[in-house]
Amino acid sequence: MNRHCQLPSSACGGDNLSMPKDSKQVAVGSASQVPAAAPFSPGSMVVVTLGNPRDKFCGMILALAAEGLSMSGIELASFEDFVVMVRDGESFSPAVVFFPMHRIERVDLDLPDGSLPSLSQRFSAKTGLDPGAVLGADRRCGEEHSAVHPSAVRPNQDQT
């Protein structure tokens, strides 16, 4: 017995049946559509869960494309050591990595969860530095593999 089930297709009728009738079409690239596209844009702080092998990486997005994700950051397991190293004034070189899309299981914005601060907030509280500036410092200078010293990065002005 061969049964076929066909789901309704919005492509045939031209209307998106899941959208309210009074919704307005938004042109691609318009300012009102930016919030949907902006969360994972270059400069966003994220936590990436990888598969095969299983790993987590936190840092700043450099580029996101169909091929994969380029970012500057560290393995999540090394986060506390990284914070101590920066706080103590040791020089460091953030890893610049590319993860092919088939390895990426999940990308989460580095946001606070209730009363728990985000990793970026924890970094700023313990070092007095902006993590985005620290992770992106060597790319602004055009020296991709040089070590960055924390004193070369301006402190985070948002902290009180």
N, C-alpha and C. Protein backbone atom coordinates (compact mmCIF):
# COMPACT_ATOMS: atom_id res chain seq x y z
N MET A 1 0.84 -1.17 0.00
CA MET A 1 0.00 0.00 0.00
C MET A 1 0.89 1.24 0.00
N ASN A 2 0.75 2.04 -1.00
CA ASN A 2 1.60 3.21 -1.17
C ASN A 2 0.77 4.47 -1.00
N ARG A 3 0.99 5.18 0.08
CA ARG A 3 0.26 6.43 0.33
C ARG A 3 1.20 7.60 0.19
N HIS A 4 0.74 8.63 -0.45
CA HIS A 4 1.52 9.85 -0.58
C HIS A 4 0.80 10.96 0.16
N CYS A 5 1.53 11.71 0.90
CA CYS A 5 0.97 12.84 1.63
C CYS A 5 1.59 14.11 1.06
N GLN A 6 0.76 15.02 0.64
CA GLN A 6 1.28 16.26 0.09
C GLN A 6 0.90 17.40 1.02
N LEU A 7 1.90 18.17 1.39
CA LEU A 7 1.68 19.32 2.25
C LEU A 7 1.33 20.52 1.39
N PRO A 8 0.52 21.43 1.93
CA PRO A 8 0.20 22.63 1.15
C PRO A 8 1.46 23.43 0.86
N SER A 9 1.55 23.95 -0.33
CA SER A 9 2.72 24.72 -0.73
C SER A 9 2.32 26.16 -0.97
N SER A 10 3.05 27.08 -0.32
CA SER A 10 2.76 28.50 -0.52
C SER A 10 3.33 28.99 -1.85
N ALA A 11 4.22 28.21 -2.45
CA ALA A 11 4.83 28.64 -3.71
C ALA A 11 3.82 28.67 -4.84
N CYS A 12 2.81 27.79 -4.78
CA CYS A 12 1.82 27.74 -5.86
C CYS A 12 0.89 28.94 -5.83
N GLY A 13 0.44 29.34 -4.65
CA GLY A 13 -0.54 30.40 -4.54
C GLY A 13 0.07 31.79 -4.48
N GLY A 14 1.35 31.91 -4.20
CA GLY A 14 1.99 33.21 -4.13
C GLY A 14 1.87 33.86 -2.77
N ASP A 15 1.00 33.40 -1.90
CA ASP A 15 0.85 33.95 -0.56
C ASP A 15 1.54 33.04 0.43
N ASN A 16 2.14 33.64 1.45
CA ASN A 16 2.70 32.87 2.53
C ASN A 16 1.59 32.67 3.53
N LEU A 17 1.04 31.46 3.58
CA LEU A 17 -0.15 31.19 4.39
C LEU A 17 0.11 31.31 5.88
N SER A 18 1.37 31.28 6.31
CA SER A 18 1.66 31.39 7.73
C SER A 18 1.80 32.84 8.19
N MET A 19 1.77 33.79 7.28
CA MET A 19 1.90 35.20 7.63
C MET A 19 0.52 35.85 7.71
N PRO A 20 0.33 36.79 8.62
CA PRO A 20 -0.95 37.49 8.68
C PRO A 20 -1.21 38.26 7.38
N LYS A 21 -2.49 38.39 7.02
CA LYS A 21 -2.87 39.05 5.77
C LYS A 21 -2.43 40.52 5.73
N ASP A 22 -2.38 41.19 6.90
CA ASP A 22 -2.05 42.61 6.92
C ASP A 22 -0.55 42.89 7.04
N SER A 23 0.30 41.85 6.97
CA SER A 23 1.74 42.08 7.07
C SER A 23 2.24 42.74 5.80
N LYS A 24 3.30 43.54 5.97
CA LYS A 24 3.86 44.27 4.84
C LYS A 24 5.16 43.63 4.39
N GLN A 25 5.41 43.67 3.09
CA GLN A 25 6.64 43.13 2.56
C GLN A 25 7.78 44.11 2.85
N VAL A 26 8.92 43.57 3.26
CA VAL A 26 10.08 44.39 3.57
C VAL A 26 11.15 44.10 2.54
N ALA A 27 11.68 45.15 1.96
CA ALA A 27 12.73 44.98 0.96
C ALA A 27 14.00 44.46 1.61
N VAL A 28 14.70 43.58 0.92
CA VAL A 28 15.96 43.05 1.44
C VAL A 28 16.96 44.19 1.58
N GLY A 29 17.60 44.23 2.75
CA GLY A 29 18.60 45.26 3.00
C GLY A 29 18.02 46.52 3.63
N SER A 30 16.72 46.56 3.88
CA SER A 30 16.14 47.76 4.49
C SER A 30 16.44 47.80 5.97
N ALA A 31 16.37 48.96 6.56
CA ALA A 31 16.71 49.14 7.97
C ALA A 31 15.78 48.36 8.88
N SER A 32 14.51 48.18 8.50
CA SER A 32 13.58 47.47 9.37
C SER A 32 13.88 45.98 9.43
N GLN A 33 14.72 45.47 8.55
CA GLN A 33 15.04 44.05 8.56
C GLN A 33 16.38 43.78 9.26
N VAL A 34 17.11 44.81 9.63
CA VAL A 34 18.44 44.66 10.21
C VAL A 34 18.44 43.81 11.48
N PRO A 35 17.50 43.95 12.43
CA PRO A 35 17.58 43.13 13.63
C PRO A 35 17.62 41.63 13.35
N ALA A 36 16.94 41.16 12.30
CA ALA A 36 16.95 39.74 11.99
C ALA A 36 18.31 39.31 11.44
N ALA A 37 19.00 40.17 10.73
CA ALA A 37 20.27 39.81 10.11
C ALA A 37 21.47 40.16 10.99
N ALA A 38 21.35 41.12 11.87
CA ALA A 38 22.48 41.64 12.64
C ALA A 38 23.04 40.72 13.72
N PRO A 39 22.26 39.84 14.34
CA PRO A 39 22.83 39.11 15.47
C PRO A 39 24.10 38.33 15.16
N PHE A 40 24.25 37.79 13.98
CA PHE A 40 25.42 36.98 13.67
C PHE A 40 26.31 37.65 12.62
N SER A 41 26.40 38.96 12.71
CA SER A 41 27.25 39.72 11.78
C SER A 41 28.66 39.81 12.34
N PRO A 42 29.65 40.17 11.50
CA PRO A 42 31.02 40.32 11.99
C PRO A 42 31.08 41.27 13.18
N GLY A 43 31.84 40.86 14.19
CA GLY A 43 31.96 41.64 15.42
C GLY A 43 31.10 41.11 16.54
N SER A 44 30.14 40.23 16.24
CA SER A 44 29.28 39.65 17.28
C SER A 44 30.06 38.65 18.11
N MET A 45 29.84 38.68 19.42
CA MET A 45 30.46 37.72 20.32
C MET A 45 29.55 36.50 20.41
N VAL A 46 30.12 35.32 20.18
CA VAL A 46 29.34 34.09 20.12
C VAL A 46 30.04 32.93 20.82
N VAL A 47 29.24 31.89 21.09
CA VAL A 47 29.76 30.61 21.56
C VAL A 47 29.34 29.59 20.51
N VAL A 48 30.31 28.86 19.96
CA VAL A 48 30.07 27.90 18.88
C VAL A 48 30.24 26.49 19.42
N THR A 49 29.23 25.65 19.20
CA THR A 49 29.32 24.24 19.55
C THR A 49 29.65 23.47 18.28
N LEU A 50 30.72 22.70 18.34
CA LEU A 50 31.21 21.95 17.18
C LEU A 50 31.02 20.46 17.40
N GLY A 51 30.87 19.76 16.31
CA GLY A 51 30.77 18.31 16.37
C GLY A 51 31.89 17.68 15.57
N ASN A 52 32.24 16.47 15.95
CA ASN A 52 33.18 15.63 15.21
C ASN A 52 34.55 16.24 15.01
N PRO A 53 35.36 16.45 16.02
CA PRO A 53 35.17 16.13 17.43
C PRO A 53 34.36 17.22 18.16
N ARG A 54 33.73 16.82 19.24
CA ARG A 54 32.90 17.71 20.04
C ARG A 54 33.79 18.75 20.73
N ASP A 55 33.43 20.03 20.60
CA ASP A 55 34.23 21.10 21.18
C ASP A 55 33.37 22.35 21.25
N LYS A 56 33.77 23.30 22.08
CA LYS A 56 33.11 24.61 22.14
C LYS A 56 34.18 25.68 22.02
N PHE A 57 33.81 26.74 21.33
CA PHE A 57 34.74 27.83 21.06
C PHE A 57 33.99 29.12 21.31
N CYS A 58 34.64 30.09 21.95
CA CYS A 58 33.98 31.38 22.15
C CYS A 58 34.86 32.47 21.54
N GLY A 59 34.20 33.50 21.02
CA GLY A 59 34.95 34.59 20.43
C GLY A 59 34.10 35.49 19.58
N MET A 60 34.77 36.19 18.68
CA MET A 60 34.13 37.20 17.84
C MET A 60 34.07 36.71 16.39
N ILE A 61 32.90 36.88 15.78
CA ILE A 61 32.73 36.50 14.38
C ILE A 61 33.53 37.45 13.49
N LEU A 62 34.32 36.88 12.60
CA LEU A 62 35.01 37.66 11.58
C LEU A 62 34.23 37.61 10.28
N ALA A 63 33.70 36.43 9.94
CA ALA A 63 32.90 36.26 8.73
C ALA A 63 32.05 35.01 8.87
N LEU A 64 30.84 35.08 8.33
CA LEU A 64 29.93 33.94 8.31
C LEU A 64 29.43 33.79 6.89
N ALA A 65 29.65 32.61 6.30
CA ALA A 65 29.24 32.34 4.92
C ALA A 65 28.69 30.92 4.85
N ALA A 66 28.18 30.56 3.70
CA ALA A 66 27.64 29.23 3.50
C ALA A 66 28.72 28.16 3.70
N GLU A 67 29.96 28.50 3.44
CA GLU A 67 31.07 27.55 3.59
C GLU A 67 31.43 27.30 5.05
N GLY A 68 31.25 28.32 5.89
CA GLY A 68 31.60 28.15 7.29
C GLY A 68 31.72 29.46 8.04
N LEU A 69 32.33 29.38 9.20
CA LEU A 69 32.44 30.50 10.13
C LEU A 69 33.91 30.79 10.42
N SER A 70 34.32 32.03 10.23
CA SER A 70 35.67 32.49 10.62
C SER A 70 35.52 33.31 11.88
N MET A 71 36.37 33.05 12.85
CA MET A 71 36.27 33.81 14.10
C MET A 71 37.62 33.92 14.78
N SER A 72 37.68 34.87 15.70
CA SER A 72 38.84 35.10 16.53
C SER A 72 38.42 34.80 17.96
N GLY A 73 39.12 33.88 18.63
CA GLY A 73 38.71 33.54 19.98
C GLY A 73 39.55 32.43 20.58
N ILE A 74 38.93 31.72 21.52
CA ILE A 74 39.62 30.66 22.25
C ILE A 74 38.65 29.50 22.49
N GLU A 75 39.23 28.34 22.84
CA GLU A 75 38.40 27.21 23.25
C GLU A 75 37.74 27.57 24.57
N LEU A 76 36.49 27.21 24.72
CA LEU A 76 35.75 27.56 25.93
C LEU A 76 36.42 26.98 27.18
N ALA A 77 37.01 25.82 27.07
CA ALA A 77 37.68 25.19 28.21
C ALA A 77 38.86 26.04 28.71
N SER A 78 39.40 26.90 27.87
CA SER A 78 40.55 27.75 28.24
C SER A 78 40.14 29.16 28.66
N PHE A 79 38.84 29.43 28.79
CA PHE A 79 38.37 30.78 29.04
C PHE A 79 38.96 31.38 30.32
N GLU A 80 38.89 30.66 31.43
CA GLU A 80 39.38 31.20 32.71
C GLU A 80 40.88 31.46 32.66
N ASP A 81 41.64 30.55 32.03
CA ASP A 81 43.09 30.75 31.89
C ASP A 81 43.38 31.99 31.04
N PHE A 82 42.60 32.18 29.99
CA PHE A 82 42.74 33.34 29.11
C PHE A 82 42.49 34.63 29.89
N VAL A 83 41.44 34.66 30.71
CA VAL A 83 41.11 35.84 31.51
C VAL A 83 42.26 36.17 32.47
N VAL A 84 42.79 35.16 33.15
CA VAL A 84 43.89 35.38 34.08
C VAL A 84 45.12 35.90 33.36
N MET A 85 45.42 35.33 32.20
CA MET A 85 46.58 35.75 31.42
C MET A 85 46.45 37.22 31.00
N VAL A 86 45.27 37.62 30.54
CA VAL A 86 45.04 39.00 30.13
C VAL A 86 45.12 39.93 31.35
N ARG A 87 44.47 39.54 32.44
CA ARG A 87 44.47 40.35 33.66
C ARG A 87 45.87 40.57 34.19
N ASP A 88 46.72 39.54 34.08
CA ASP A 88 48.10 39.63 34.59
C ASP A 88 49.04 40.36 33.63
N GLY A 89 48.52 40.79 32.48
CA GLY A 89 49.32 41.58 31.56
C GLY A 89 50.22 40.79 30.64
N GLU A 90 50.01 39.48 30.55
CA GLU A 90 50.81 38.66 29.64
C GLU A 90 50.36 38.90 28.21
N SER A 91 51.30 38.83 27.27
CA SER A 91 50.93 38.98 25.87
C SER A 91 50.29 37.68 25.38
N PHE A 92 49.47 37.79 24.37
CA PHE A 92 48.75 36.62 23.86
C PHE A 92 48.42 36.84 22.39
N SER A 93 48.12 35.76 21.72
CA SER A 93 47.67 35.81 20.33
C SER A 93 46.34 35.06 20.24
N PRO A 94 45.23 35.78 20.05
CA PRO A 94 43.96 35.05 19.91
C PRO A 94 44.00 34.18 18.66
N ALA A 95 43.38 33.01 18.74
CA ALA A 95 43.34 32.11 17.60
C ALA A 95 42.39 32.67 16.54
N VAL A 96 42.82 32.65 15.30
CA VAL A 96 41.95 32.98 14.18
C VAL A 96 41.67 31.66 13.48
N VAL A 97 40.41 31.24 13.51
CA VAL A 97 40.06 29.91 13.03
C VAL A 97 38.92 29.97 12.02
N PHE A 98 38.83 28.92 11.22
CA PHE A 98 37.72 28.73 10.28
C PHE A 98 37.12 27.37 10.59
N PHE A 99 35.81 27.34 10.81
CA PHE A 99 35.11 26.09 11.02
C PHE A 99 34.19 25.84 9.82
N PRO A 100 34.39 24.73 9.10
CA PRO A 100 33.48 24.45 7.99
C PRO A 100 32.07 24.18 8.52
N MET A 101 31.08 24.55 7.75
CA MET A 101 29.69 24.48 8.20
C MET A 101 29.29 23.07 8.66
N HIS A 102 29.85 22.02 8.07
CA HIS A 102 29.45 20.67 8.47
C HIS A 102 29.88 20.32 9.89
N ARG A 103 30.83 21.07 10.47
CA ARG A 103 31.24 20.84 11.86
C ARG A 103 30.42 21.63 12.87
N ILE A 104 29.75 22.66 12.41
CA ILE A 104 29.02 23.54 13.32
C ILE A 104 27.66 22.95 13.66
N GLU A 105 27.46 22.71 14.96
CA GLU A 105 26.16 22.22 15.43
C GLU A 105 25.26 23.36 15.87
N ARG A 106 25.90 24.39 16.45
CA ARG A 106 25.09 25.48 17.02
C ARG A 106 25.97 26.71 17.20
N VAL A 107 25.37 27.89 17.00
CA VAL A 107 26.03 29.16 17.27
C VAL A 107 25.09 29.96 18.16
N ASP A 108 25.55 30.30 19.35
CA ASP A 108 24.76 31.08 20.31
C ASP A 108 25.39 32.44 20.50
N LEU A 109 24.56 33.48 20.55
CA LEU A 109 25.07 34.79 20.92
C LEU A 109 25.51 34.74 22.37
N ASP A 110 26.58 35.43 22.69
CA ASP A 110 27.08 35.50 24.05
C ASP A 110 26.25 36.52 24.82
N LEU A 111 25.13 36.06 25.36
CA LEU A 111 24.20 36.93 26.07
C LEU A 111 24.07 36.47 27.51
N PRO A 112 23.74 37.39 28.43
CA PRO A 112 23.48 36.98 29.81
C PRO A 112 22.24 36.10 29.88
N ASP A 113 22.21 35.21 30.86
CA ASP A 113 21.06 34.32 31.06
C ASP A 113 20.50 34.57 32.45
N GLY A 114 19.46 35.38 32.51
CA GLY A 114 18.90 35.76 33.81
C GLY A 114 19.90 36.56 34.59
N SER A 115 20.26 36.06 35.78
CA SER A 115 21.24 36.77 36.60
C SER A 115 22.68 36.35 36.30
N LEU A 116 22.86 35.36 35.41
CA LEU A 116 24.20 34.93 35.02
C LEU A 116 24.76 35.84 33.94
N PRO A 117 25.94 36.42 34.14
CA PRO A 117 26.52 37.31 33.12
C PRO A 117 27.01 36.51 31.91
N SER A 118 27.09 37.18 30.78
CA SER A 118 27.66 36.56 29.58
C SER A 118 29.16 36.38 29.77
N LEU A 119 29.78 35.60 28.90
CA LEU A 119 31.24 35.45 28.96
C LEU A 119 31.92 36.80 28.74
N SER A 120 31.38 37.60 27.83
CA SER A 120 31.96 38.93 27.57
C SER A 120 31.89 39.81 28.81
N GLN A 121 30.77 39.76 29.52
CA GLN A 121 30.62 40.55 30.74
C GLN A 121 31.59 40.06 31.82
N ARG A 122 31.75 38.75 31.93
CA ARG A 122 32.70 38.19 32.90
C ARG A 122 34.12 38.61 32.56
N PHE A 123 34.47 38.57 31.28
CA PHE A 123 35.80 38.99 30.83
C PHE A 123 36.04 40.46 31.18
N SER A 124 35.07 41.32 30.86
CA SER A 124 35.20 42.75 31.14
C SER A 124 35.31 43.03 32.63
N ALA A 125 34.50 42.33 33.43
CA ALA A 125 34.52 42.55 34.88
C ALA A 125 35.87 42.17 35.49
N LYS A 126 36.49 41.12 34.98
CA LYS A 126 37.74 40.64 35.56
C LYS A 126 38.99 41.33 35.00
N THR A 127 38.90 41.87 33.77
CA THR A 127 40.09 42.47 33.15
C THR A 127 39.97 43.98 32.95
N GLY A 128 38.75 44.51 32.91
CA GLY A 128 38.55 45.91 32.62
C GLY A 128 38.68 46.24 31.14
N LEU A 129 38.75 45.20 30.29
CA LEU A 129 38.92 45.39 28.85
C LEU A 129 37.69 44.91 28.09
N ASP A 130 37.50 45.47 26.91
CA ASP A 130 36.42 45.06 26.03
C ASP A 130 36.87 43.82 25.26
N PRO A 131 36.17 42.68 25.36
CA PRO A 131 36.63 41.47 24.67
C PRO A 131 36.65 41.62 23.15
N GLY A 132 35.73 42.38 22.58
CA GLY A 132 35.73 42.60 21.14
C GLY A 132 36.98 43.32 20.68
N ALA A 133 37.42 44.30 21.47
CA ALA A 133 38.64 45.03 21.13
C ALA A 133 39.87 44.14 21.28
N VAL A 134 39.88 43.30 22.31
CA VAL A 134 41.01 42.41 22.54
C VAL A 134 41.11 41.37 21.42
N LEU A 135 39.99 40.76 21.05
CA LEU A 135 40.00 39.70 20.04
C LEU A 135 40.17 40.24 18.63
N GLY A 136 39.83 41.50 18.41
CA GLY A 136 39.96 42.06 17.08
C GLY A 136 41.16 42.97 16.91
N ALA A 137 41.95 43.14 17.96
CA ALA A 137 43.06 44.11 17.94
C ALA A 137 44.08 43.83 16.85
N ASP A 138 44.49 42.57 16.68
CA ASP A 138 45.54 42.30 15.70
C ASP A 138 45.03 42.41 14.27
N ARG A 139 43.75 42.26 14.03
CA ARG A 139 43.22 42.44 12.69
C ARG A 139 43.15 43.90 12.30
N ARG A 140 42.92 44.79 13.25
CA ARG A 140 42.90 46.22 12.94
C ARG A 140 44.28 46.71 12.55
N CYS A 141 45.30 46.14 13.14
CA CYS A 141 46.66 46.58 12.86
C CYS A 141 47.20 45.95 11.58
N GLY A 142 46.53 44.93 11.06
CA GLY A 142 46.98 44.27 9.85
C GLY A 142 48.09 43.26 10.09
N GLU A 143 48.35 42.95 11.35
CA GLU A 143 49.38 41.97 11.69
C GLU A 143 48.67 40.75 12.25
N GLU A 144 48.37 39.81 11.36
CA GLU A 144 47.50 38.71 11.73
C GLU A 144 48.09 37.78 12.78
N HIS A 145 49.40 37.59 12.84
CA HIS A 145 49.95 36.61 13.76
C HIS A 145 50.79 37.21 14.88
N SER A 146 50.76 38.52 15.05
CA SER A 146 51.56 39.12 16.12
C SER A 146 50.84 38.99 17.45
N ALA A 147 51.61 38.95 18.51
CA ALA A 147 51.04 38.88 19.85
C ALA A 147 50.46 40.24 20.22
N VAL A 148 49.40 40.22 21.01
CA VAL A 148 48.75 41.44 21.46
C VAL A 148 48.99 41.58 22.94
N HIS A 149 49.42 42.74 23.35
CA HIS A 149 49.60 43.01 24.77
C HIS A 149 48.39 43.77 25.26
N PRO A 150 47.81 43.38 26.41
CA PRO A 150 46.59 44.02 26.90
C PRO A 150 46.69 45.53 27.06
N SER A 151 47.87 46.06 27.34
CA SER A 151 47.99 47.51 27.52
C SER A 151 47.80 48.26 26.21
N ALA A 152 47.88 47.53 25.08
CA ALA A 152 47.69 48.16 23.77
C ALA A 152 46.21 48.29 23.42
N VAL A 153 45.36 47.66 24.20
CA VAL A 153 43.91 47.68 23.94
C VAL A 153 43.26 48.62 24.94
N ARG A 154 42.45 49.53 24.45
CA ARG A 154 41.84 50.50 25.37
C ARG A 154 40.81 49.81 26.26
N PRO A 155 40.71 50.24 27.50
CA PRO A 155 39.77 49.63 28.45
C PRO A 155 38.32 49.84 28.01
N ASN A 156 37.48 48.97 28.50
CA ASN A 156 36.05 49.05 28.23
C ASN A 156 35.47 50.23 28.99
N GLN A 157 34.92 51.18 28.27
CA GLN A 157 34.36 52.38 28.87
C GLN A 157 32.96 52.17 29.43
N ASP A 158 32.30 51.05 29.08
CA ASP A 158 30.92 50.81 29.49
C ASP A 158 30.83 50.32 30.93
N GLN A 159 31.91 49.81 31.50
CA GLN A 159 31.87 49.27 32.84
C GLN A 159 31.88 50.39 33.86
N THR A 160 31.15 50.21 34.94
CA THR A 160 31.10 51.20 36.01
C THR A 160 31.80 50.72 37.24
